[in-house]
Amino acid sequence: MKKKYNYISSKKLSKEDEYFLKRDRELLENEKKRHEEEKNKKLYEERKKTHYMKCPKCGFDLQEIEFKKIKIDKCNECDGIWFDKGELLQLILKESSLVKSLLNFVAKDKDFDIL
């Protein structure tokens, strides 16, 4: 049988000492994990703030606009249109001539009929 030694002395540990040593190690390990999770969560939130409502194409701010009672994101710089999860499907289900109405809605030149 392998002897267990205390890191402070070379005496054999009692069952009680072994229990508390094991418990303390578990508590420290759990605290390290919790601290690491909090740190990762904070880093994620910081990264999210730098990218939130930014155009994936050009990096400028996105503006939330309402089209057919669905909010979509539009970049005022490159005129890109970005959909959140499920928004495109909602538009397709609501609008049979989706492409024409969407392109006409976002076109800068109002006299220009795309389709």
PDB file of N, CA and C in Angstrom:
ATOM      1  N   MET A   1       0.840  -1.182   0.000  1.00  0.00           N
ATOM      2  CA  MET A   1       0.000   0.000   0.000  1.00  0.00           C
ATOM      3  C   MET A   1       0.884   1.242   0.000  1.00  0.00           C
ATOM      4  N   LYS A   2       0.518   2.191  -0.813  1.00  0.00           N
ATOM      5  CA  LYS A   2       1.291   3.417  -0.944  1.00  0.00           C
ATOM      6  C   LYS A   2       0.995   4.345   0.223  1.00  0.00           C
ATOM      7  N   LYS A   3       2.050   4.873   0.820  1.00  0.00           N
ATOM      8  CA  LYS A   3       1.886   5.797   1.946  1.00  0.00           C
ATOM      9  C   LYS A   3       1.557   7.190   1.418  1.00  0.00           C
ATOM     10  N   LYS A   4       0.673   7.897   2.124  1.00  0.00           N
ATOM     11  CA  LYS A   4       0.340   9.278   1.773  1.00  0.00           C
ATOM     12  C   LYS A   4       1.081  10.183   2.739  1.00  0.00           C
ATOM     13  N   TYR A   5       1.701  11.197   2.194  1.00  0.00           N
ATOM     14  CA  TYR A   5       2.479  12.110   2.998  1.00  0.00           C
ATOM     15  C   TYR A   5       1.919  13.515   2.888  1.00  0.00           C
ATOM     16  N   ASN A   6       2.002  14.204   3.973  1.00  0.00           N
ATOM     17  CA  ASN A   6       1.620  15.604   4.007  1.00  0.00           C
ATOM     18  C   ASN A   6       2.744  16.402   3.372  1.00  0.00           C
ATOM     19  N   TYR A   7       2.407  17.447   2.637  1.00  0.00           N
ATOM     20  CA  TYR A   7       3.433  18.265   1.999  1.00  0.00           C
ATOM     21  C   TYR A   7       4.256  19.038   3.022  1.00  0.00           C
ATOM     22  N   ILE A   8       3.784  19.151   4.257  1.00  0.00           N
ATOM     23  CA  ILE A   8       4.505  19.891   5.285  1.00  0.00           C
ATOM     24  C   ILE A   8       5.493  18.989   6.016  1.00  0.00           C
ATOM     25  N   SER A   9       5.072  17.773   6.306  1.00  0.00           N
ATOM     26  CA  SER A   9       5.967  16.860   7.022  1.00  0.00           C
ATOM     27  C   SER A   9       5.956  15.501   6.343  1.00  0.00           C
ATOM     28  N   SER A  10       6.823  14.639   6.761  1.00  0.00           N
ATOM     29  CA  SER A  10       6.893  13.312   6.161  1.00  0.00           C
ATOM     30  C   SER A  10       6.146  12.280   6.991  1.00  0.00           C
ATOM     31  N   LYS A  11       5.305  12.723   7.910  1.00  0.00           N
ATOM     32  CA  LYS A  11       4.508  11.812   8.719  1.00  0.00           C
ATOM     33  C   LYS A  11       3.372  11.247   7.886  1.00  0.00           C
ATOM     34  N   LYS A  12       2.948  10.062   8.247  1.00  0.00           N
ATOM     35  CA  LYS A  12       1.783   9.468   7.604  1.00  0.00           C
ATOM     36  C   LYS A  12       0.547  10.242   8.056  1.00  0.00           C
ATOM     37  N   LEU A  13      -0.349  10.524   7.097  1.00  0.00           N
ATOM     38  CA  LEU A  13      -1.542  11.308   7.405  1.00  0.00           C
ATOM     39  C   LEU A  13      -2.618  10.437   8.031  1.00  0.00           C
ATOM     40  N   SER A  14      -3.337  11.020   8.953  1.00  0.00           N
ATOM     41  CA  SER A  14      -4.481  10.316   9.535  1.00  0.00           C
ATOM     42  C   SER A  14      -5.626  10.351   8.524  1.00  0.00           C
ATOM     43  N   LYS A  15      -6.637   9.527   8.738  1.00  0.00           N
ATOM     44  CA  LYS A  15      -7.803   9.505   7.849  1.00  0.00           C
ATOM     45  C   LYS A  15      -8.470  10.875   7.807  1.00  0.00           C
ATOM     46  N   GLU A  16      -8.541  11.532   8.944  1.00  0.00           N
ATOM     47  CA  GLU A  16      -9.151  12.855   9.017  1.00  0.00           C
ATOM     48  C   GLU A  16      -8.347  13.861   8.202  1.00  0.00           C
ATOM     49  N   ASP A  17      -7.023  13.815   8.358  1.00  0.00           N
ATOM     50  CA  ASP A  17      -6.165  14.716   7.585  1.00  0.00           C
ATOM     51  C   ASP A  17      -6.286  14.456   6.086  1.00  0.00           C
ATOM     52  N   GLU A  18      -6.343  13.183   5.714  1.00  0.00           N
ATOM     53  CA  GLU A  18      -6.512  12.825   4.308  1.00  0.00           C
ATOM     54  C   GLU A  18      -7.821  13.392   3.766  1.00  0.00           C
ATOM     55  N   TYR A  19      -8.882  13.265   4.539  1.00  0.00           N
ATOM     56  CA  TYR A  19     -10.192  13.766   4.130  1.00  0.00           C
ATOM     57  C   TYR A  19     -10.139  15.278   3.885  1.00  0.00           C
ATOM     58  N   PHE A  20      -9.592  16.020   4.833  1.00  0.00           N
ATOM     59  CA  PHE A  20      -9.550  17.478   4.704  1.00  0.00           C
ATOM     60  C   PHE A  20      -8.596  17.928   3.597  1.00  0.00           C
ATOM     61  N   LEU A  21      -7.495  17.205   3.447  1.00  0.00           N
ATOM     62  CA  LEU A  21      -6.572  17.523   2.368  1.00  0.00           C
ATOM     63  C   LEU A  21      -7.245  17.313   1.007  1.00  0.00           C
ATOM     64  N   LYS A  22      -7.953  16.206   0.866  1.00  0.00           N
ATOM     65  CA  LYS A  22      -8.669  15.923  -0.368  1.00  0.00           C
ATOM     66  C   LYS A  22      -9.765  16.964  -0.616  1.00  0.00           C
ATOM     67  N   ARG A  23     -10.509  17.297   0.415  1.00  0.00           N
ATOM     68  CA  ARG A  23     -11.581  18.285   0.294  1.00  0.00           C
ATOM     69  C   ARG A  23     -11.025  19.655  -0.087  1.00  0.00           C
ATOM     70  N   ASP A  24      -9.916  20.054   0.549  1.00  0.00           N
ATOM     71  CA  ASP A  24      -9.298  21.344   0.233  1.00  0.00           C
ATOM     72  C   ASP A  24      -8.808  21.396  -1.216  1.00  0.00           C
ATOM     73  N   ARG A  25      -8.239  20.300  -1.679  1.00  0.00           N
ATOM     74  CA  ARG A  25      -7.791  20.237  -3.076  1.00  0.00           C
ATOM     75  C   ARG A  25      -8.973  20.385  -4.033  1.00  0.00           C
ATOM     76  N   GLU A  26     -10.064  19.696  -3.726  1.00  0.00           N
ATOM     77  CA  GLU A  26     -11.266  19.785  -4.557  1.00  0.00           C
ATOM     78  C   GLU A  26     -11.830  21.204  -4.554  1.00  0.00           C
ATOM     79  N   LEU A  27     -11.847  21.823  -3.390  1.00  0.00           N
ATOM     80  CA  LEU A  27     -12.346  23.195  -3.298  1.00  0.00           C
ATOM     81  C   LEU A  27     -11.476  24.153  -4.114  1.00  0.00           C
ATOM     82  N   LEU A  28     -10.164  23.991  -3.999  1.00  0.00           N
ATOM     83  CA  LEU A  28      -9.253  24.836  -4.783  1.00  0.00           C
ATOM     84  C   LEU A  28      -9.418  24.605  -6.275  1.00  0.00           C
ATOM     85  N   GLU A  29      -9.565  23.341  -6.660  1.00  0.00           N
ATOM     86  CA  GLU A  29      -9.754  23.019  -8.069  1.00  0.00           C
ATOM     87  C   GLU A  29     -11.066  23.614  -8.591  1.00  0.00           C
ATOM     88  N   ASN A  30     -12.129  23.503  -7.829  1.00  0.00           N
ATOM     89  CA  ASN A  30     -13.418  24.075  -8.220  1.00  0.00           C
ATOM     90  C   ASN A  30     -13.343  25.593  -8.311  1.00  0.00           C
ATOM     91  N   GLU A  31     -12.628  26.210  -7.385  1.00  0.00           N
ATOM     92  CA  GLU A  31     -12.468  27.669  -7.408  1.00  0.00           C
ATOM     93  C   GLU A  31     -11.673  28.102  -8.634  1.00  0.00           C
ATOM     94  N   LYS A  32     -10.643  27.345  -8.997  1.00  0.00           N
ATOM     95  CA  LYS A  32      -9.860  27.652 -10.199  1.00  0.00           C
ATOM     96  C   LYS A  32     -10.736  27.538 -11.448  1.00  0.00           C
ATOM     97  N   LYS A  33     -11.555  26.478 -11.506  1.00  0.00           N
ATOM     98  CA  LYS A  33     -12.449  26.298 -12.654  1.00  0.00           C
ATOM     99  C   LYS A  33     -13.444  27.442 -12.742  1.00  0.00           C
ATOM    100  N   ARG A  34     -14.031  27.834 -11.623  1.00  0.00           N
ATOM    101  CA  ARG A  34     -15.008  28.922 -11.592  1.00  0.00           C
ATOM    102  C   ARG A  34     -14.362  30.226 -12.043  1.00  0.00           C
ATOM    103  N   HIS A  35     -13.153  30.463 -11.538  1.00  0.00           N
ATOM    104  CA  HIS A  35     -12.424  31.671 -11.907  1.00  0.00           C
ATOM    105  C   HIS A  35     -12.120  31.680 -13.418  1.00  0.00           C
ATOM    106  N   GLU A  36     -11.707  30.545 -13.948  1.00  0.00           N
ATOM    107  CA  GLU A  36     -11.401  30.434 -15.378  1.00  0.00           C
ATOM    108  C   GLU A  36     -12.666  30.643 -16.217  1.00  0.00           C
ATOM    109  N   GLU A  37     -13.798  30.089 -15.774  1.00  0.00           N
ATOM    110  CA  GLU A  37     -15.061  30.275 -16.491  1.00  0.00           C
ATOM    111  C   GLU A  37     -15.476  31.747 -16.484  1.00  0.00           C
ATOM    112  N   GLU A  38     -15.329  32.416 -15.355  1.00  0.00           N
ATOM    113  CA  GLU A  38     -15.656  33.845 -15.272  1.00  0.00           C
ATOM    114  C   GLU A  38     -14.750  34.663 -16.190  1.00  0.00           C
ATOM    115  N   LYS A  39     -13.482  34.312 -16.212  1.00  0.00           N
ATOM    116  CA  LYS A  39     -12.520  35.007 -17.064  1.00  0.00           C
ATOM    117  C   LYS A  39     -12.884  34.830 -18.537  1.00  0.00           C
ATOM    118  N   ASN A  40     -13.220  33.592 -18.931  1.00  0.00           N
ATOM    119  CA  ASN A  40     -13.609  33.323 -20.318  1.00  0.00           C
ATOM    120  C   ASN A  40     -14.908  34.040 -20.678  1.00  0.00           C
ATOM    121  N   LYS A  41     -15.843  34.075 -19.745  1.00  0.00           N
ATOM    122  CA  LYS A  41     -17.109  34.762 -19.988  1.00  0.00           C
ATOM    123  C   LYS A  41     -16.870  36.263 -20.177  1.00  0.00           C
ATOM    124  N   LYS A  42     -15.996  36.831 -19.374  1.00  0.00           N
ATOM    125  CA  LYS A  42     -15.678  38.255 -19.483  1.00  0.00           C
ATOM    126  C   LYS A  42     -15.005  38.553 -20.827  1.00  0.00           C
ATOM    127  N   LEU A  43     -14.072  37.707 -21.243  1.00  0.00           N
ATOM    128  CA  LEU A  43     -13.414  37.878 -22.542  1.00  0.00           C
ATOM    129  C   LEU A  43     -14.425  37.779 -23.680  1.00  0.00           C
ATOM    130  N   TYR A  44     -15.365  36.826 -23.561  1.00  0.00           N
ATOM    131  CA  TYR A  44     -16.401  36.672 -24.578  1.00  0.00           C
ATOM    132  C   TYR A  44     -17.258  37.923 -24.673  1.00  0.00           C
ATOM    133  N   GLU A  45     -17.668  38.455 -23.531  1.00  0.00           N
ATOM    134  CA  GLU A  45     -18.506  39.660 -23.511  1.00  0.00           C
ATOM    135  C   GLU A  45     -17.759  40.860 -24.100  1.00  0.00           C
ATOM    136  N   GLU A  46     -16.464  40.982 -23.808  1.00  0.00           N
ATOM    137  CA  GLU A  46     -15.668  42.076 -24.362  1.00  0.00           C
ATOM    138  C   GLU A  46     -15.556  41.958 -25.885  1.00  0.00           C
ATOM    139  N   ARG A  47     -15.322  40.731 -26.376  1.00  0.00           N
ATOM    140  CA  ARG A  47     -15.244  40.507 -27.817  1.00  0.00           C
ATOM    141  C   ARG A  47     -16.590  40.792 -28.478  1.00  0.00           C
ATOM    142  N   LYS A  48     -17.653  40.381 -27.812  1.00  0.00           N
ATOM    143  CA  LYS A  48     -18.996  40.594 -28.352  1.00  0.00           C
ATOM    144  C   LYS A  48     -19.284  42.089 -28.493  1.00  0.00           C
ATOM    145  N   LYS A  49     -18.857  42.882 -27.506  1.00  0.00           N
ATOM    146  CA  LYS A  49     -19.083  44.326 -27.569  1.00  0.00           C
ATOM    147  C   LYS A  49     -18.382  44.952 -28.769  1.00  0.00           C
ATOM    148  N   THR A  50     -17.204  44.462 -29.105  1.00  0.00           N
ATOM    149  CA  THR A  50     -16.464  45.054 -30.226  1.00  0.00           C
ATOM    150  C   THR A  50     -17.084  44.697 -31.571  1.00  0.00           C
ATOM    151  N   HIS A  51     -17.851  43.597 -31.635  1.00  0.00           N
ATOM    152  CA  HIS A  51     -18.429  43.152 -32.896  1.00  0.00           C
ATOM    153  C   HIS A  51     -19.938  43.349 -32.980  1.00  0.00           C
ATOM    154  N   TYR A  52     -20.579  43.648 -31.880  1.00  0.00           N
ATOM    155  CA  TYR A  52     -22.038  43.737 -31.857  1.00  0.00           C
ATOM    156  C   TYR A  52     -22.524  44.873 -32.754  1.00  0.00           C
ATOM    157  N   MET A  53     -23.464  44.551 -33.607  1.00  0.00           N
ATOM    158  CA  MET A  53     -24.074  45.493 -34.554  1.00  0.00           C
ATOM    159  C   MET A  53     -23.021  46.157 -35.450  1.00  0.00           C
ATOM    160  N   LYS A  54     -22.021  45.387 -35.846  1.00  0.00           N
ATOM    161  CA  LYS A  54     -21.010  45.827 -36.808  1.00  0.00           C
ATOM    162  C   LYS A  54     -21.176  45.001 -38.077  1.00  0.00           C
ATOM    163  N   CYS A  55     -20.999  45.637 -39.203  1.00  0.00           N
ATOM    164  CA  CYS A  55     -21.138  44.965 -40.492  1.00  0.00           C
ATOM    165  C   CYS A  55     -20.008  43.939 -40.665  1.00  0.00           C
ATOM    166  N   PRO A  56     -20.337  42.698 -40.984  1.00  0.00           N
ATOM    167  CA  PRO A  56     -19.291  41.698 -41.194  1.00  0.00           C
ATOM    168  C   PRO A  56     -18.459  41.958 -42.445  1.00  0.00           C
ATOM    169  N   LYS A  57     -18.980  42.762 -43.359  1.00  0.00           N
ATOM    170  CA  LYS A  57     -18.266  43.035 -44.601  1.00  0.00           C
ATOM    171  C   LYS A  57     -17.292  44.201 -44.465  1.00  0.00           C
ATOM    172  N   CYS A  58     -17.781  45.334 -43.935  1.00  0.00           N
ATOM    173  CA  CYS A  58     -16.928  46.526 -43.904  1.00  0.00           C
ATOM    174  C   CYS A  58     -16.605  47.010 -42.490  1.00  0.00           C
ATOM    175  N   GLY A  59     -17.292  46.496 -41.484  1.00  0.00           N
ATOM    176  CA  GLY A  59     -16.978  46.844 -40.107  1.00  0.00           C
ATOM    177  C   GLY A  59     -17.695  48.060 -39.553  1.00  0.00           C
ATOM    178  N   PHE A  60     -18.469  48.754 -40.372  1.00  0.00           N
ATOM    179  CA  PHE A  60     -19.196  49.927 -39.885  1.00  0.00           C
ATOM    180  C   PHE A  60     -20.432  49.492 -39.090  1.00  0.00           C
ATOM    181  N   ASP A  61     -21.065  50.462 -38.454  1.00  0.00           N
ATOM    182  CA  ASP A  61     -22.235  50.172 -37.623  1.00  0.00           C
ATOM    183  C   ASP A  61     -23.421  49.728 -38.473  1.00  0.00           C
ATOM    184  N   LEU A  62     -24.175  48.784 -37.920  1.00  0.00           N
ATOM    185  CA  LEU A  62     -25.414  48.352 -38.537  1.00  0.00           C
ATOM    186  C   LEU A  62     -26.569  49.114 -37.922  1.00  0.00           C
ATOM    187  N   GLN A  63     -27.579  49.350 -38.728  1.00  0.00           N
ATOM    188  CA  GLN A  63     -28.787  50.013 -38.257  1.00  0.00           C
ATOM    189  C   GLN A  63     -29.923  49.001 -38.366  1.00  0.00           C
ATOM    190  N   GLU A  64     -30.703  48.883 -37.316  1.00  0.00           N
ATOM    191  CA  GLU A  64     -31.831  47.972 -37.347  1.00  0.00           C
ATOM    192  C   GLU A  64     -33.010  48.679 -38.021  1.00  0.00           C
ATOM    193  N   ILE A  65     -33.518  48.063 -39.092  1.00  0.00           N
ATOM    194  CA  ILE A  65     -34.652  48.633 -39.806  1.00  0.00           C
ATOM    195  C   ILE A  65     -35.791  47.620 -39.792  1.00  0.00           C
ATOM    196  N   GLU A  66     -37.001  48.111 -39.963  1.00  0.00           N
ATOM    197  CA  GLU A  66     -38.148  47.219 -40.001  1.00  0.00           C
ATOM    198  C   GLU A  66     -38.622  47.090 -41.435  1.00  0.00           C
ATOM    199  N   PHE A  67     -38.747  45.854 -41.872  1.00  0.00           N
ATOM    200  CA  PHE A  67     -39.220  45.564 -43.215  1.00  0.00           C
ATOM    201  C   PHE A  67     -40.266  44.473 -43.105  1.00  0.00           C
ATOM    202  N   LYS A  68     -41.470  44.768 -43.536  1.00  0.00           N
ATOM    203  CA  LYS A  68     -42.571  43.808 -43.460  1.00  0.00           C
ATOM    204  C   LYS A  68     -42.762  43.284 -42.039  1.00  0.00           C
ATOM    205  N   LYS A  69     -42.640  44.187 -41.074  1.00  0.00           N
ATOM    206  CA  LYS A  69     -42.814  43.902 -39.643  1.00  0.00           C
ATOM    207  C   LYS A  69     -41.752  42.945 -39.085  1.00  0.00           C
ATOM    208  N   ILE A  70     -40.613  42.848 -39.770  1.00  0.00           N
ATOM    209  CA  ILE A  70     -39.479  42.050 -39.292  1.00  0.00           C
ATOM    210  C   ILE A  70     -38.274  42.967 -39.236  1.00  0.00           C
ATOM    211  N   LYS A  71     -37.574  42.941 -38.117  1.00  0.00           N
ATOM    212  CA  LYS A  71     -36.402  43.803 -37.954  1.00  0.00           C
ATOM    213  C   LYS A  71     -35.182  43.106 -38.552  1.00  0.00           C
ATOM    214  N   ILE A  72     -34.541  43.824 -39.493  1.00  0.00           N
ATOM    215  CA  ILE A  72     -33.323  43.318 -40.106  1.00  0.00           C
ATOM    216  C   ILE A  72     -32.232  44.366 -39.928  1.00  0.00           C
ATOM    217  N   ASP A  73     -30.987  43.954 -40.110  1.00  0.00           N
ATOM    218  CA  ASP A  73     -29.846  44.850 -39.917  1.00  0.00           C
ATOM    219  C   ASP A  73     -29.315  45.298 -41.274  1.00  0.00           C
ATOM    220  N   LYS A  74     -29.103  46.611 -41.413  1.00  0.00           N
ATOM    221  CA  LYS A  74     -28.630  47.189 -42.665  1.00  0.00           C
ATOM    222  C   LYS A  74     -27.405  48.049 -42.380  1.00  0.00           C
ATOM    223  N   CYS A  75     -26.396  47.897 -43.219  1.00  0.00           N
ATOM    224  CA  CYS A  75     -25.198  48.725 -43.112  1.00  0.00           C
ATOM    225  C   CYS A  75     -25.397  49.974 -43.969  1.00  0.00           C
ATOM    226  N   ASN A  76     -25.231  51.130 -43.374  1.00  0.00           N
ATOM    227  CA  ASN A  76     -25.389  52.379 -44.113  1.00  0.00           C
ATOM    228  C   ASN A  76     -24.174  52.693 -44.989  1.00  0.00           C
ATOM    229  N   GLU A  77     -23.065  52.014 -44.750  1.00  0.00           N
ATOM    230  CA  GLU A  77     -21.841  52.266 -45.513  1.00  0.00           C
ATOM    231  C   GLU A  77     -21.816  51.458 -46.815  1.00  0.00           C
ATOM    232  N   CYS A  78     -21.986  50.151 -46.716  1.00  0.00           N
ATOM    233  CA  CYS A  78     -21.899  49.297 -47.916  1.00  0.00           C
ATOM    234  C   CYS A  78     -23.261  48.800 -48.380  1.00  0.00           C
ATOM    235  N   ASP A  79     -24.325  49.198 -47.686  1.00  0.00           N
ATOM    236  CA  ASP A  79     -25.701  48.796 -48.001  1.00  0.00           C
ATOM    237  C   ASP A  79     -25.936  47.292 -47.874  1.00  0.00           C
ATOM    238  N   GLY A  80     -25.105  46.624 -47.105  1.00  0.00           N
ATOM    239  CA  GLY A  80     -25.312  45.205 -46.863  1.00  0.00           C
ATOM    240  C   GLY A  80     -26.532  44.984 -45.981  1.00  0.00           C
ATOM    241  N   ILE A  81     -27.204  43.871 -46.202  1.00  0.00           N
ATOM    242  CA  ILE A  81     -28.368  43.488 -45.406  1.00  0.00           C
ATOM    243  C   ILE A  81     -28.005  42.198 -44.688  1.00  0.00           C
ATOM    244  N   TRP A  82     -28.263  42.166 -43.391  1.00  0.00           N
ATOM    245  CA  TRP A  82     -27.892  41.013 -42.577  1.00  0.00           C
ATOM    246  C   TRP A  82     -29.112  40.549 -41.797  1.00  0.00           C
ATOM    247  N   PHE A  83     -29.332  39.243 -41.830  1.00  0.00           N
ATOM    248  CA  PHE A  83     -30.477  38.647 -41.158  1.00  0.00           C
ATOM    249  C   PHE A  83     -30.018  37.888 -39.925  1.00  0.00           C
ATOM    250  N   ASP A  84     -30.790  38.012 -38.859  1.00  0.00           N
ATOM    251  CA  ASP A  84     -30.574  37.171 -37.692  1.00  0.00           C
ATOM    252  C   ASP A  84     -31.225  35.822 -37.965  1.00  0.00           C
ATOM    253  N   LYS A  85     -30.950  34.870 -37.119  1.00  0.00           N
ATOM    254  CA  LYS A  85     -31.476  33.523 -37.290  1.00  0.00           C
ATOM    255  C   LYS A  85     -33.001  33.551 -37.415  1.00  0.00           C
ATOM    256  N   GLY A  86     -33.498  32.964 -38.481  1.00  0.00           N
ATOM    257  CA  GLY A  86     -34.924  32.827 -38.680  1.00  0.00           C
ATOM    258  C   GLY A  86     -35.600  33.981 -39.399  1.00  0.00           C
ATOM    259  N   GLU A  87     -34.930  35.119 -39.536  1.00  0.00           N
ATOM    260  CA  GLU A  87     -35.571  36.286 -40.150  1.00  0.00           C
ATOM    261  C   GLU A  87     -35.810  36.091 -41.649  1.00  0.00           C
ATOM    262  N   LEU A  88     -34.882  35.497 -42.350  1.00  0.00           N
ATOM    263  CA  LEU A  88     -35.052  35.283 -43.787  1.00  0.00           C
ATOM    264  C   LEU A  88     -36.231  34.346 -44.039  1.00  0.00           C
ATOM    265  N   LEU A  89     -36.326  33.306 -43.270  1.00  0.00           N
ATOM    266  CA  LEU A  89     -37.441  32.373 -43.423  1.00  0.00           C
ATOM    267  C   LEU A  89     -38.775  33.069 -43.155  1.00  0.00           C
ATOM    268  N   GLN A  90     -38.814  33.927 -42.146  1.00  0.00           N
ATOM    269  CA  GLN A  90     -40.034  34.684 -41.862  1.00  0.00           C
ATOM    270  C   GLN A  90     -40.415  35.550 -43.051  1.00  0.00           C
ATOM    271  N   LEU A  91     -39.433  36.206 -43.659  1.00  0.00           N
ATOM    272  CA  LEU A  91     -39.714  37.047 -44.827  1.00  0.00           C
ATOM    273  C   LEU A  91     -40.213  36.222 -46.003  1.00  0.00           C
ATOM    274  N   ILE A  92     -39.588  35.100 -46.238  1.00  0.00           N
ATOM    275  CA  ILE A  92     -39.991  34.241 -47.350  1.00  0.00           C
ATOM    276  C   ILE A  92     -41.430  33.770 -47.157  1.00  0.00           C
ATOM    277  N   LEU A  93     -41.769  33.406 -45.942  1.00  0.00           N
ATOM    278  CA  LEU A  93     -43.125  32.945 -45.674  1.00  0.00           C
ATOM    279  C   LEU A  93     -44.154  34.067 -45.803  1.00  0.00           C
ATOM    280  N   LYS A  94     -43.772  35.295 -45.480  1.00  0.00           N
ATOM    281  CA  LYS A  94     -44.704  36.421 -45.537  1.00  0.00           C
ATOM    282  C   LYS A  94     -44.834  37.022 -46.931  1.00  0.00           C
ATOM    283  N   GLU A  95     -43.776  36.979 -47.695  1.00  0.00           N
ATOM    284  CA  GLU A  95     -43.717  37.754 -48.938  1.00  0.00           C
ATOM    285  C   GLU A  95     -43.402  36.851 -50.116  1.00  0.00           C
ATOM    286  N   SER A  96     -44.299  36.756 -51.072  1.00  0.00           N
ATOM    287  CA  SER A  96     -44.039  35.905 -52.234  1.00  0.00           C
ATOM    288  C   SER A  96     -43.054  36.563 -53.196  1.00  0.00           C
ATOM    289  N   SER A  97     -43.120  37.872 -53.331  1.00  0.00           N
ATOM    290  CA  SER A  97     -42.178  38.569 -54.208  1.00  0.00           C
ATOM    291  C   SER A  97     -41.094  39.225 -53.346  1.00  0.00           C
ATOM    292  N   LEU A  98     -40.480  38.437 -52.496  1.00  0.00           N
ATOM    293  CA  LEU A  98     -39.511  38.912 -51.505  1.00  0.00           C
ATOM    294  C   LEU A  98     -38.350  39.675 -52.128  1.00  0.00           C
ATOM    295  N   VAL A  99     -37.718  39.108 -53.127  1.00  0.00           N
ATOM    296  CA  VAL A  99     -36.507  39.705 -53.677  1.00  0.00           C
ATOM    297  C   VAL A  99     -36.782  41.099 -54.228  1.00  0.00           C
ATOM    298  N   LYS A 100     -37.818  41.249 -55.025  1.00  0.00           N
ATOM    299  CA  LYS A 100     -38.126  42.548 -55.621  1.00  0.00           C
ATOM    300  C   LYS A 100     -38.431  43.591 -54.552  1.00  0.00           C
ATOM    301  N   SER A 101     -39.281  43.263 -53.619  1.00  0.00           N
ATOM    302  CA  SER A 101     -39.662  44.259 -52.609  1.00  0.00           C
ATOM    303  C   SER A 101     -38.499  44.595 -51.686  1.00  0.00           C
ATOM    304  N   LEU A 102     -37.675  43.616 -51.345  1.00  0.00           N
ATOM    305  CA  LEU A 102     -36.534  43.875 -50.472  1.00  0.00           C
ATOM    306  C   LEU A 102     -35.510  44.762 -51.168  1.00  0.00           C
ATOM    307  N   LEU A 103     -35.194  44.449 -52.415  1.00  0.00           N
ATOM    308  CA  LEU A 103     -34.210  45.248 -53.134  1.00  0.00           C
ATOM    309  C   LEU A 103     -34.717  46.661 -53.387  1.00  0.00           C
ATOM    310  N   ASN A 104     -35.979  46.811 -53.698  1.00  0.00           N
ATOM    311  CA  ASN A 104     -36.548  48.142 -53.892  1.00  0.00           C
ATOM    312  C   ASN A 104     -36.563  48.929 -52.585  1.00  0.00           C
ATOM    313  N   PHE A 105     -36.761  48.246 -51.483  1.00  0.00           N
ATOM    314  CA  PHE A 105     -36.815  48.902 -50.176  1.00  0.00           C
ATOM    315  C   PHE A 105     -35.469  49.500 -49.791  1.00  0.00           C
ATOM    316  N   VAL A 106     -34.377  48.803 -50.091  1.00  0.00           N
ATOM    317  CA  VAL A 106     -33.051  49.259 -49.655  1.00  0.00           C
ATOM    318  C   VAL A 106     -32.306  50.069 -50.715  1.00  0.00           C
ATOM    319  N   ALA A 107     -32.843  50.143 -51.923  1.00  0.00           N
ATOM    320  CA  ALA A 107     -32.162  50.889 -52.984  1.00  0.00           C
ATOM    321  C   ALA A 107     -32.082  52.362 -52.615  1.00  0.00           C
ATOM    322  N   LYS A 108     -30.907  52.973 -52.831  1.00  0.00           N
ATOM    323  CA  LYS A 108     -30.714  54.391 -52.507  1.00  0.00           C
ATOM    324  C   LYS A 108     -31.503  55.282 -53.460  1.00  0.00           C
ATOM    325  N   ASP A 109     -31.467  54.945 -54.738  1.00  0.00           N
ATOM    326  CA  ASP A 109     -32.172  55.744 -55.727  1.00  0.00           C
ATOM    327  C   ASP A 109     -33.611  55.241 -55.805  1.00  0.00           C
ATOM    328  N   LYS A 110     -34.537  56.015 -55.262  1.00  0.00           N
ATOM    329  CA  LYS A 110     -35.926  55.588 -55.172  1.00  0.00           C
ATOM    330  C   LYS A 110     -36.578  55.484 -56.543  1.00  0.00           C
ATOM    331  N   ASP A 111     -36.042  56.148 -57.550  1.00  0.00           N
ATOM    332  CA  ASP A 111     -36.613  56.079 -58.892  1.00  0.00           C
ATOM    333  C   ASP A 111     -36.140  54.825 -59.632  1.00  0.00           C
ATOM    334  N   PHE A 112     -35.154  54.150 -59.079  1.00  0.00           N
ATOM    335  CA  PHE A 112     -34.572  52.983 -59.733  1.00  0.00           C
ATOM    336  C   PHE A 112     -35.343  51.745 -59.331  1.00  0.00           C
ATOM    337  N   ASP A 113     -36.044  51.143 -60.278  1.00  0.00           N
ATOM    338  CA  ASP A 113     -36.787  49.911 -60.022  1.00  0.00           C
ATOM    339  C   ASP A 113     -35.894  48.757 -60.425  1.00  0.00           C
ATOM    340  N   ILE A 114     -35.501  47.947 -59.460  1.00  0.00           N
ATOM    341  CA  ILE A 114     -34.521  46.902 -59.696  1.00  0.00           C
ATOM    342  C   ILE A 114     -35.075  45.793 -60.583  1.00  0.00           C
ATOM    343  N   LEU A 115     -36.280  45.366 -60.329  1.00  0.00           N
ATOM    344  CA  LEU A 115     -36.858  44.279 -61.121  1.00  0.00           C
ATOM    345  C   LEU A 115     -38.057  44.738 -61.889  1.00  0.00           C
TER     346      LEU A 115
END
